[in-house]
Amino acid sequence: MQLPGFVRRIVPASDRSIPMWLRLLLIPVVAGLVVLGIWVTGGVLTNDFTLAMLLTGLFLTAGGAVAVIAALRWKSLVAPVLGTFVIVAGSLGGYLLVTSNRDVVVNENVAKVADPSTRPTAQPSATSTASGAPTSTATVAAAIALSRGTFTSDEHKTTGTATLVRLPTGKHVITLTTFATSPGPDLRVYLVPGDGQYVDGYLDLGHLKGNKGNQQYTIPGTADLSRFGAVIIWCRAFTVPFGHAALSDV
């Protein structure tokens, strides 16, 4: 295909042949640079979500321009450079776009907690068999709410309640109820020390199951619960908190 004259003047084509080994090497290099650039512009340079998205867009625009120029200059670089850029940037950009604009509603059957003022435990009680002989049974302990907090918005409006619950089995979970935040890429649920202003020393409870609805997250049995004082919804892709809830004893 004959390029317009002004394009040929700006980016004159070269007859130089690019070795096959170099063309093959450029595929992972270009892919790696695209991933690295998105990570740096989106998650390293700033903690502001809007600015991170803007910087990522500028990086992809500039990177695309470089890839086009290389492909115009050397026809043999159309596939390894321009093609690789389009595939990787398109895939990652599409993922970021979809996850930032699609609500996921989750409504799990979270642990039902007892009245914290009663804090029931297993107590023996006497019953009678058909023959009248007494026998001992135990009242099953209920789930207990140990601490609770209301979400405060950070980069995005976030509402709902986070509760630290001890189950009858002795395991501990975090429940999010009447919860809602904005959709976003790679959202995680963190337990953090302090009041939720920082994520240093965090415990990752896994990906956020849904940006809306009731949900529950298991805390590893080896975790030292005395270290943690808040729950954060953390966007790992852009290194920003969407919202946090400082936990207080109930």
C-alpha atoms as a PDB file:
ATOM      1  CA  MET A   1       0.000   0.000   0.000  1.00  0.00           C
ATOM      2  CA  GLN A   2       1.354   3.431  -0.996  1.00  0.00           C
ATOM      3  CA  LEU A   3       1.530   5.817   1.945  1.00  0.00           C
ATOM      4  CA  PRO A   4       0.520   9.479   1.561  1.00  0.00           C
ATOM      5  CA  GLY A   5       3.367  11.778   0.612  1.00  0.00           C
ATOM      6  CA  PHE A   6       3.388  13.759   3.871  1.00  0.00           C
ATOM      7  CA  VAL A   7       3.667  10.517   5.851  1.00  0.00           C
ATOM      8  CA  ARG A   8       6.620   9.382   3.769  1.00  0.00           C
ATOM      9  CA  ARG A   9       8.294  12.739   4.341  1.00  0.00           C
ATOM     10  CA  ILE A  10       7.778  12.633   8.129  1.00  0.00           C
ATOM     11  CA  VAL A  11       8.702   8.953   8.523  1.00  0.00           C
ATOM     12  CA  PRO A  12      10.813   7.911   5.529  1.00  0.00           C
ATOM     13  CA  ALA A  13      10.857   4.178   4.962  1.00  0.00           C
ATOM     14  CA  SER A  14      14.127   2.338   5.347  1.00  0.00           C
ATOM     15  CA  ASP A  15      15.349  -0.481   3.131  1.00  0.00           C
ATOM     16  CA  ARG A  16      17.459  -1.872   5.944  1.00  0.00           C
ATOM     17  CA  SER A  17      16.617  -5.478   6.778  1.00  0.00           C
ATOM     18  CA  ILE A  18      15.942  -6.298  10.419  1.00  0.00           C
ATOM     19  CA  PRO A  19      17.387  -9.712  11.374  1.00  0.00           C
ATOM     20  CA  MET A  20      14.865 -12.377  12.318  1.00  0.00           C
ATOM     21  CA  TRP A  21      16.450 -12.931  15.737  1.00  0.00           C
ATOM     22  CA  LEU A  22      16.019  -9.247  16.555  1.00  0.00           C
ATOM     23  CA  ARG A  23      12.403  -9.254  15.408  1.00  0.00           C
ATOM     24  CA  LEU A  24      11.657 -12.250  17.644  1.00  0.00           C
ATOM     25  CA  LEU A  25      13.447 -10.619  20.578  1.00  0.00           C
ATOM     26  CA  LEU A  26      11.389  -7.451  20.171  1.00  0.00           C
ATOM     27  CA  ILE A  27       8.120  -9.322  20.876  1.00  0.00           C
ATOM     28  CA  PRO A  28       8.757  -9.980  24.606  1.00  0.00           C
ATOM     29  CA  VAL A  29      10.612  -6.659  24.949  1.00  0.00           C
ATOM     30  CA  VAL A  30       7.653  -4.647  23.644  1.00  0.00           C
ATOM     31  CA  ALA A  31       5.195  -6.692  25.722  1.00  0.00           C
ATOM     32  CA  GLY A  32       7.280  -6.167  28.847  1.00  0.00           C
ATOM     33  CA  LEU A  33       7.605  -2.435  28.268  1.00  0.00           C
ATOM     34  CA  VAL A  34       3.843  -2.054  27.840  1.00  0.00           C
ATOM     35  CA  VAL A  35       3.113  -3.948  31.077  1.00  0.00           C
ATOM     36  CA  LEU A  36       5.830  -2.055  32.953  1.00  0.00           C
ATOM     37  CA  GLY A  37       4.628   1.300  31.654  1.00  0.00           C
ATOM     38  CA  ILE A  38       1.032   0.640  32.698  1.00  0.00           C
ATOM     39  CA  TRP A  39       2.160  -0.493  36.133  1.00  0.00           C
ATOM     40  CA  VAL A  40       4.408   2.544  36.679  1.00  0.00           C
ATOM     41  CA  THR A  41       1.950   5.165  35.409  1.00  0.00           C
ATOM     42  CA  GLY A  42      -1.033   3.527  37.073  1.00  0.00           C
ATOM     43  CA  GLY A  43       0.373   2.291  40.352  1.00  0.00           C
ATOM     44  CA  VAL A  44       3.701   3.933  41.161  1.00  0.00           C
ATOM     45  CA  LEU A  45       3.787   7.580  40.121  1.00  0.00           C
ATOM     46  CA  THR A  46       0.666   8.707  41.963  1.00  0.00           C
ATOM     47  CA  ASN A  47      -1.925   7.598  44.514  1.00  0.00           C
ATOM     48  CA  ASP A  48      -4.649   9.636  42.823  1.00  0.00           C
ATOM     49  CA  PHE A  49      -6.949   7.321  40.859  1.00  0.00           C
ATOM     50  CA  THR A  50      -8.033   9.886  38.261  1.00  0.00           C
ATOM     51  CA  LEU A  51      -4.480  11.073  37.650  1.00  0.00           C
ATOM     52  CA  ALA A  52      -3.265   7.478  37.394  1.00  0.00           C
ATOM     53  CA  MET A  53      -5.859   6.749  34.711  1.00  0.00           C
ATOM     54  CA  LEU A  54      -4.815   9.922  32.850  1.00  0.00           C
ATOM     55  CA  LEU A  55      -1.114   9.028  32.994  1.00  0.00           C
ATOM     56  CA  THR A  56      -1.850   5.510  31.799  1.00  0.00           C
ATOM     57  CA  GLY A  57      -3.808   6.894  28.862  1.00  0.00           C
ATOM     58  CA  LEU A  58      -0.977   9.257  27.953  1.00  0.00           C
ATOM     59  CA  PHE A  59       1.546   6.419  28.149  1.00  0.00           C
ATOM     60  CA  LEU A  60      -0.525   4.192  25.856  1.00  0.00           C
ATOM     61  CA  THR A  61      -0.974   7.056  23.387  1.00  0.00           C
ATOM     62  CA  ALA A  62       2.755   7.808  23.306  1.00  0.00           C
ATOM     63  CA  GLY A  63       3.667   4.133  23.118  1.00  0.00           C
ATOM     64  CA  GLY A  64       1.237   3.586  20.279  1.00  0.00           C
ATOM     65  CA  ALA A  65       2.738   6.497  18.359  1.00  0.00           C
ATOM     66  CA  VAL A  66       6.246   5.046  18.747  1.00  0.00           C
ATOM     67  CA  ALA A  67       5.044   1.634  17.579  1.00  0.00           C
ATOM     68  CA  VAL A  68       3.369   3.153  14.504  1.00  0.00           C
ATOM     69  CA  ILE A  69       6.483   5.141  13.613  1.00  0.00           C
ATOM     70  CA  ALA A  70       8.656   2.021  13.912  1.00  0.00           C
ATOM     71  CA  ALA A  71       6.254   0.059  11.705  1.00  0.00           C
ATOM     72  CA  LEU A  72       6.232   2.842   9.080  1.00  0.00           C
ATOM     73  CA  ARG A  73       9.994   3.089   9.126  1.00  0.00           C
ATOM     74  CA  TRP A  74      10.686  -0.651   8.946  1.00  0.00           C
ATOM     75  CA  LYS A  75       7.967  -2.812   7.421  1.00  0.00           C
ATOM     76  CA  SER A  76       9.405  -5.929   9.046  1.00  0.00           C
ATOM     77  CA  LEU A  77       8.563  -4.460  12.467  1.00  0.00           C
ATOM     78  CA  VAL A  78       4.816  -4.261  11.819  1.00  0.00           C
ATOM     79  CA  ALA A  79       4.132  -7.616  13.497  1.00  0.00           C
ATOM     80  CA  PRO A  80       6.738  -7.759  16.298  1.00  0.00           C
ATOM     81  CA  VAL A  81       6.396  -4.142  17.408  1.00  0.00           C
ATOM     82  CA  LEU A  82       3.041  -2.700  16.317  1.00  0.00           C
ATOM     83  CA  GLY A  83       1.212  -6.020  16.492  1.00  0.00           C
ATOM     84  CA  THR A  84       2.561  -6.856  19.943  1.00  0.00           C
ATOM     85  CA  PHE A  85       1.755  -3.380  21.242  1.00  0.00           C
ATOM     86  CA  VAL A  86      -1.821  -3.525  19.967  1.00  0.00           C
ATOM     87  CA  ILE A  87      -2.471  -6.983  21.440  1.00  0.00           C
ATOM     88  CA  VAL A  88      -0.943  -6.328  24.878  1.00  0.00           C
ATOM     89  CA  ALA A  89      -2.173  -2.756  25.281  1.00  0.00           C
ATOM     90  CA  GLY A  90      -5.603  -3.690  23.973  1.00  0.00           C
ATOM     91  CA  SER A  91      -5.912  -6.630  26.368  1.00  0.00           C
ATOM     92  CA  LEU A  92      -4.762  -4.712  29.437  1.00  0.00           C
ATOM     93  CA  GLY A  93      -6.623  -1.563  28.471  1.00  0.00           C
ATOM     94  CA  GLY A  94      -9.793  -3.550  27.871  1.00  0.00           C
ATOM     95  CA  TYR A  95      -9.441  -5.263  31.240  1.00  0.00           C
ATOM     96  CA  LEU A  96      -8.993  -1.942  33.025  1.00  0.00           C
ATOM     97  CA  LEU A  97     -11.914  -0.388  31.163  1.00  0.00           C
ATOM     98  CA  VAL A  98     -14.332  -3.268  31.781  1.00  0.00           C
ATOM     99  CA  THR A  99     -13.479  -3.765  35.456  1.00  0.00           C
ATOM    100  CA  SER A 100     -13.722  -0.023  36.099  1.00  0.00           C
ATOM    101  CA  ASN A 101     -17.237   0.227  34.679  1.00  0.00           C
ATOM    102  CA  ARG A 102     -19.001  -3.081  35.454  1.00  0.00           C
ATOM    103  CA  ASP A 103     -20.828  -3.640  38.751  1.00  0.00           C
ATOM    104  CA  VAL A 104     -20.562  -7.074  40.349  1.00  0.00           C
ATOM    105  CA  VAL A 105     -23.271  -7.779  42.952  1.00  0.00           C
ATOM    106  CA  VAL A 106     -22.621 -10.560  45.482  1.00  0.00           C
ATOM    107  CA  ASN A 107     -25.072 -11.584  48.216  1.00  0.00           C
ATOM    108  CA  GLU A 108     -23.566 -14.355  50.322  1.00  0.00           C
ATOM    109  CA  ASN A 109     -25.072 -15.855  53.452  1.00  0.00           C
ATOM    110  CA  VAL A 110     -22.709 -14.167  55.885  1.00  0.00           C
ATOM    111  CA  ALA A 111     -22.329 -15.243  59.516  1.00  0.00           C
ATOM    112  CA  LYS A 112     -25.262 -14.222  61.686  1.00  0.00           C
ATOM    113  CA  VAL A 113     -23.930 -12.797  64.926  1.00  0.00           C
ATOM    114  CA  ALA A 114     -25.475 -12.965  68.371  1.00  0.00           C
ATOM    115  CA  ASP A 115     -26.302  -9.960  70.505  1.00  0.00           C
ATOM    116  CA  PRO A 116     -22.819  -8.807  71.592  1.00  0.00           C
ATOM    117  CA  SER A 117     -24.116  -8.026  75.094  1.00  0.00           C
ATOM    118  CA  THR A 118     -24.933 -11.683  75.735  1.00  0.00           C
ATOM    119  CA  ARG A 119     -21.822 -13.295  74.176  1.00  0.00           C
ATOM    120  CA  PRO A 120     -23.221 -16.827  74.580  1.00  0.00           C
ATOM    121  CA  THR A 121     -20.919 -19.794  75.078  1.00  0.00           C
ATOM    122  CA  ALA A 122     -21.525 -23.513  75.129  1.00  0.00           C
ATOM    123  CA  GLN A 123     -23.121 -24.329  78.494  1.00  0.00           C
ATOM    124  CA  PRO A 124     -24.157 -27.775  79.715  1.00  0.00           C
ATOM    125  CA  SER A 125     -27.853 -28.325  80.380  1.00  0.00           C
ATOM    126  CA  ALA A 126     -29.761 -31.246  81.815  1.00  0.00           C
ATOM    127  CA  THR A 127     -32.407 -33.115  79.868  1.00  0.00           C
ATOM    128  CA  SER A 128     -34.187 -36.420  80.402  1.00  0.00           C
ATOM    129  CA  THR A 129     -34.274 -39.499  78.248  1.00  0.00           C
ATOM    130  CA  ALA A 130     -37.444 -41.464  77.622  1.00  0.00           C
ATOM    131  CA  SER A 131     -36.630 -43.572  80.691  1.00  0.00           C
ATOM    132  CA  GLY A 132     -36.320 -40.464  82.849  1.00  0.00           C
ATOM    133  CA  ALA A 133     -32.531 -40.687  83.275  1.00  0.00           C
ATOM    134  CA  PRO A 134     -30.816 -37.298  83.034  1.00  0.00           C
ATOM    135  CA  THR A 135     -28.276 -36.705  80.322  1.00  0.00           C
ATOM    136  CA  SER A 136     -26.005 -33.773  79.577  1.00  0.00           C
ATOM    137  CA  THR A 137     -26.124 -31.773  76.341  1.00  0.00           C
ATOM    138  CA  ALA A 138     -24.512 -28.500  75.248  1.00  0.00           C
ATOM    139  CA  THR A 139     -26.002 -25.338  73.811  1.00  0.00           C
ATOM    140  CA  VAL A 140     -24.304 -24.556  70.508  1.00  0.00           C
ATOM    141  CA  ALA A 141     -22.328 -21.329  70.652  1.00  0.00           C
ATOM    142  CA  ALA A 142     -23.337 -18.564  68.280  1.00  0.00           C
ATOM    143  CA  ALA A 143     -21.091 -16.437  66.063  1.00  0.00           C
ATOM    144  CA  ILE A 144     -19.814 -13.417  67.976  1.00  0.00           C
ATOM    145  CA  ALA A 145     -19.115  -9.950  66.594  1.00  0.00           C
ATOM    146  CA  LEU A 146     -15.791  -8.884  68.110  1.00  0.00           C
ATOM    147  CA  SER A 147     -15.392  -5.507  66.400  1.00  0.00           C
ATOM    148  CA  ARG A 148     -17.177  -3.448  63.789  1.00  0.00           C
ATOM    149  CA  GLY A 149     -16.715  -0.328  61.693  1.00  0.00           C
ATOM    150  CA  THR A 150     -18.525   1.780  59.098  1.00  0.00           C
ATOM    151  CA  PHE A 151     -16.797   2.412  55.781  1.00  0.00           C
ATOM    152  CA  THR A 152     -15.382   5.838  54.997  1.00  0.00           C
ATOM    153  CA  SER A 153     -14.834   6.837  51.367  1.00  0.00           C
ATOM    154  CA  ASP A 154     -11.315   7.391  50.047  1.00  0.00           C
ATOM    155  CA  GLU A 155     -10.757   7.584  46.268  1.00  0.00           C
ATOM    156  CA  HIS A 156     -14.313   6.376  45.596  1.00  0.00           C
ATOM    157  CA  LYS A 157     -17.566   6.529  47.508  1.00  0.00           C
ATOM    158  CA  THR A 158     -17.712   3.460  49.736  1.00  0.00           C
ATOM    159  CA  THR A 159     -20.472   2.569  52.184  1.00  0.00           C
ATOM    160  CA  GLY A 160     -21.444  -0.348  54.405  1.00  0.00           C
ATOM    161  CA  THR A 161     -20.238  -2.125  57.526  1.00  0.00           C
ATOM    162  CA  ALA A 162     -17.224  -4.358  58.163  1.00  0.00           C
ATOM    163  CA  THR A 163     -17.424  -6.784  61.099  1.00  0.00           C
ATOM    164  CA  LEU A 164     -14.824  -9.070  62.639  1.00  0.00           C
ATOM    165  CA  VAL A 165     -16.667 -12.249  63.602  1.00  0.00           C
ATOM    166  CA  ARG A 166     -15.623 -15.295  65.610  1.00  0.00           C
ATOM    167  CA  LEU A 167     -17.484 -18.361  64.346  1.00  0.00           C
ATOM    168  CA  PRO A 168     -18.668 -21.207  66.597  1.00  0.00           C
ATOM    169  CA  THR A 169     -15.801 -23.270  65.156  1.00  0.00           C
ATOM    170  CA  GLY A 170     -13.290 -20.777  66.544  1.00  0.00           C
ATOM    171  CA  LYS A 171     -12.348 -19.433  63.118  1.00  0.00           C
ATOM    172  CA  HIS A 172     -12.520 -15.715  62.369  1.00  0.00           C
ATOM    173  CA  VAL A 173     -14.009 -13.955  59.348  1.00  0.00           C
ATOM    174  CA  ILE A 174     -14.609 -10.432  58.097  1.00  0.00           C
ATOM    175  CA  THR A 175     -18.117  -9.726  56.853  1.00  0.00           C
ATOM    176  CA  LEU A 176     -19.073  -6.808  54.622  1.00  0.00           C
ATOM    177  CA  THR A 177     -22.774  -5.977  54.876  1.00  0.00           C
ATOM    178  CA  THR A 178     -24.917  -3.436  53.017  1.00  0.00           C
ATOM    179  CA  PHE A 179     -21.641  -2.819  51.204  1.00  0.00           C
ATOM    180  CA  ALA A 180     -21.148  -0.734  48.066  1.00  0.00           C
ATOM    181  CA  THR A 181     -18.187   0.848  46.306  1.00  0.00           C
ATOM    182  CA  SER A 182     -17.244   1.739  42.743  1.00  0.00           C
ATOM    183  CA  PRO A 183     -16.131  -1.013  40.363  1.00  0.00           C
ATOM    184  CA  GLY A 184     -12.403  -1.126  39.744  1.00  0.00           C
ATOM    185  CA  PRO A 185      -9.536  -3.313  38.537  1.00  0.00           C
ATOM    186  CA  ASP A 186      -7.845  -5.777  40.892  1.00  0.00           C
ATOM    187  CA  LEU A 187      -9.665  -4.736  44.080  1.00  0.00           C
ATOM    188  CA  ARG A 188      -8.462  -6.512  47.238  1.00  0.00           C
ATOM    189  CA  VAL A 189      -9.687  -6.778  50.833  1.00  0.00           C
ATOM    190  CA  TYR A 190      -6.911  -5.918  53.305  1.00  0.00           C
ATOM    191  CA  LEU A 191      -6.754  -6.093  57.080  1.00  0.00           C
ATOM    192  CA  VAL A 192      -4.346  -3.365  58.195  1.00  0.00           C
ATOM    193  CA  PRO A 193      -2.890  -2.046  61.459  1.00  0.00           C
ATOM    194  CA  GLY A 194      -4.080   1.283  62.800  1.00  0.00           C
ATOM    195  CA  ASP A 195      -7.169   3.117  61.617  1.00  0.00           C
ATOM    196  CA  GLY A 196      -6.909   2.402  57.891  1.00  0.00           C
ATOM    197  CA  GLN A 197      -4.865   5.407  56.800  1.00  0.00           C
ATOM    198  CA  TYR A 198      -1.959   3.221  55.670  1.00  0.00           C
ATOM    199  CA  VAL A 199      -1.525  -0.291  54.280  1.00  0.00           C
ATOM    200  CA  ASP A 200       1.894  -1.050  55.788  1.00  0.00           C
ATOM    201  CA  GLY A 201       1.837  -4.524  57.336  1.00  0.00           C
ATOM    202  CA  TYR A 202      -1.409  -5.488  55.603  1.00  0.00           C
ATOM    203  CA  LEU A 203      -2.961  -8.962  55.507  1.00  0.00           C
ATOM    204  CA  ASP A 204      -4.505  -9.758  52.109  1.00  0.00           C
ATOM    205  CA  LEU A 205      -7.826 -11.582  52.483  1.00  0.00           C
ATOM    206  CA  GLY A 206      -8.275 -12.007  48.733  1.00  0.00           C
ATOM    207  CA  HIS A 207      -9.942 -10.277  45.816  1.00  0.00           C
ATOM    208  CA  LEU A 208     -13.120  -8.297  46.434  1.00  0.00           C
ATOM    209  CA  LYS A 209     -15.899 -10.682  45.399  1.00  0.00           C
ATOM    210  CA  GLY A 210     -18.235  -7.901  44.357  1.00  0.00           C
ATOM    211  CA  ASN A 211     -18.361  -4.137  44.591  1.00  0.00           C
ATOM    212  CA  LYS A 212     -21.894  -4.408  45.958  1.00  0.00           C
ATOM    213  CA  GLY A 213     -23.663  -6.744  48.361  1.00  0.00           C
ATOM    214  CA  ASN A 214     -23.058  -8.863  51.465  1.00  0.00           C
ATOM    215  CA  GLN A 215     -19.899 -10.986  51.503  1.00  0.00           C
ATOM    216  CA  GLN A 216     -17.552 -12.841  53.843  1.00  0.00           C
ATOM    217  CA  TYR A 217     -13.766 -13.380  53.963  1.00  0.00           C
ATOM    218  CA  THR A 218     -11.901 -15.976  56.021  1.00  0.00           C
ATOM    219  CA  ILE A 219      -8.953 -14.852  58.129  1.00  0.00           C
ATOM    220  CA  PRO A 220      -6.019 -17.309  58.259  1.00  0.00           C
ATOM    221  CA  GLY A 221      -5.771 -19.097  61.586  1.00  0.00           C
ATOM    222  CA  THR A 222      -2.144 -18.006  61.955  1.00  0.00           C
ATOM    223  CA  ALA A 223      -3.019 -14.294  61.837  1.00  0.00           C
ATOM    224  CA  ASP A 224      -2.402 -12.200  64.966  1.00  0.00           C
ATOM    225  CA  LEU A 225      -5.692 -10.315  65.167  1.00  0.00           C
ATOM    226  CA  SER A 226      -4.332  -7.936  67.793  1.00  0.00           C
ATOM    227  CA  ARG A 227      -2.193  -6.343  65.035  1.00  0.00           C
ATOM    228  CA  PHE A 228      -5.109  -5.164  62.910  1.00  0.00           C
ATOM    229  CA  GLY A 229      -7.494  -2.300  63.389  1.00  0.00           C
ATOM    230  CA  ALA A 230      -9.141  -1.633  60.041  1.00  0.00           C
ATOM    231  CA  VAL A 231     -10.378  -3.072  56.753  1.00  0.00           C
ATOM    232  CA  ILE A 232      -9.354  -1.441  53.459  1.00  0.00           C
ATOM    233  CA  ILE A 233     -10.710  -1.981  49.956  1.00  0.00           C
ATOM    234  CA  TRP A 234      -7.471  -1.585  47.989  1.00  0.00           C
ATOM    235  CA  CYS A 235      -7.037  -1.159  44.243  1.00  0.00           C
ATOM    236  CA  ARG A 236      -3.786  -3.007  43.621  1.00  0.00           C
ATOM    237  CA  ALA A 237      -3.652  -2.023  39.941  1.00  0.00           C
ATOM    238  CA  PHE A 238      -3.525   1.711  40.734  1.00  0.00           C
ATOM    239  CA  THR A 239      -2.209   1.548  44.325  1.00  0.00           C
ATOM    240  CA  VAL A 240      -5.085   3.498  45.898  1.00  0.00           C
ATOM    241  CA  PRO A 241      -7.665   2.848  48.636  1.00  0.00           C
ATOM    242  CA  PHE A 242     -11.296   2.932  47.567  1.00  0.00           C
ATOM    243  CA  GLY A 243     -12.551   3.016  51.158  1.00  0.00           C
ATOM    244  CA  HIS A 244     -11.713   1.883  54.684  1.00  0.00           C
ATOM    245  CA  ALA A 245     -13.468   0.942  57.911  1.00  0.00           C
ATOM    246  CA  ALA A 246     -11.779   1.398  61.299  1.00  0.00           C
ATOM    247  CA  LEU A 247     -12.857  -1.425  63.632  1.00  0.00           C
ATOM    248  CA  SER A 248     -14.017  -0.764  67.195  1.00  0.00           C
ATOM    249  CA  ASP A 249     -14.874  -3.323  69.888  1.00  0.00           C
ATOM    250  CA  VAL A 250     -18.556  -4.147  70.262  1.00  0.00           C
END
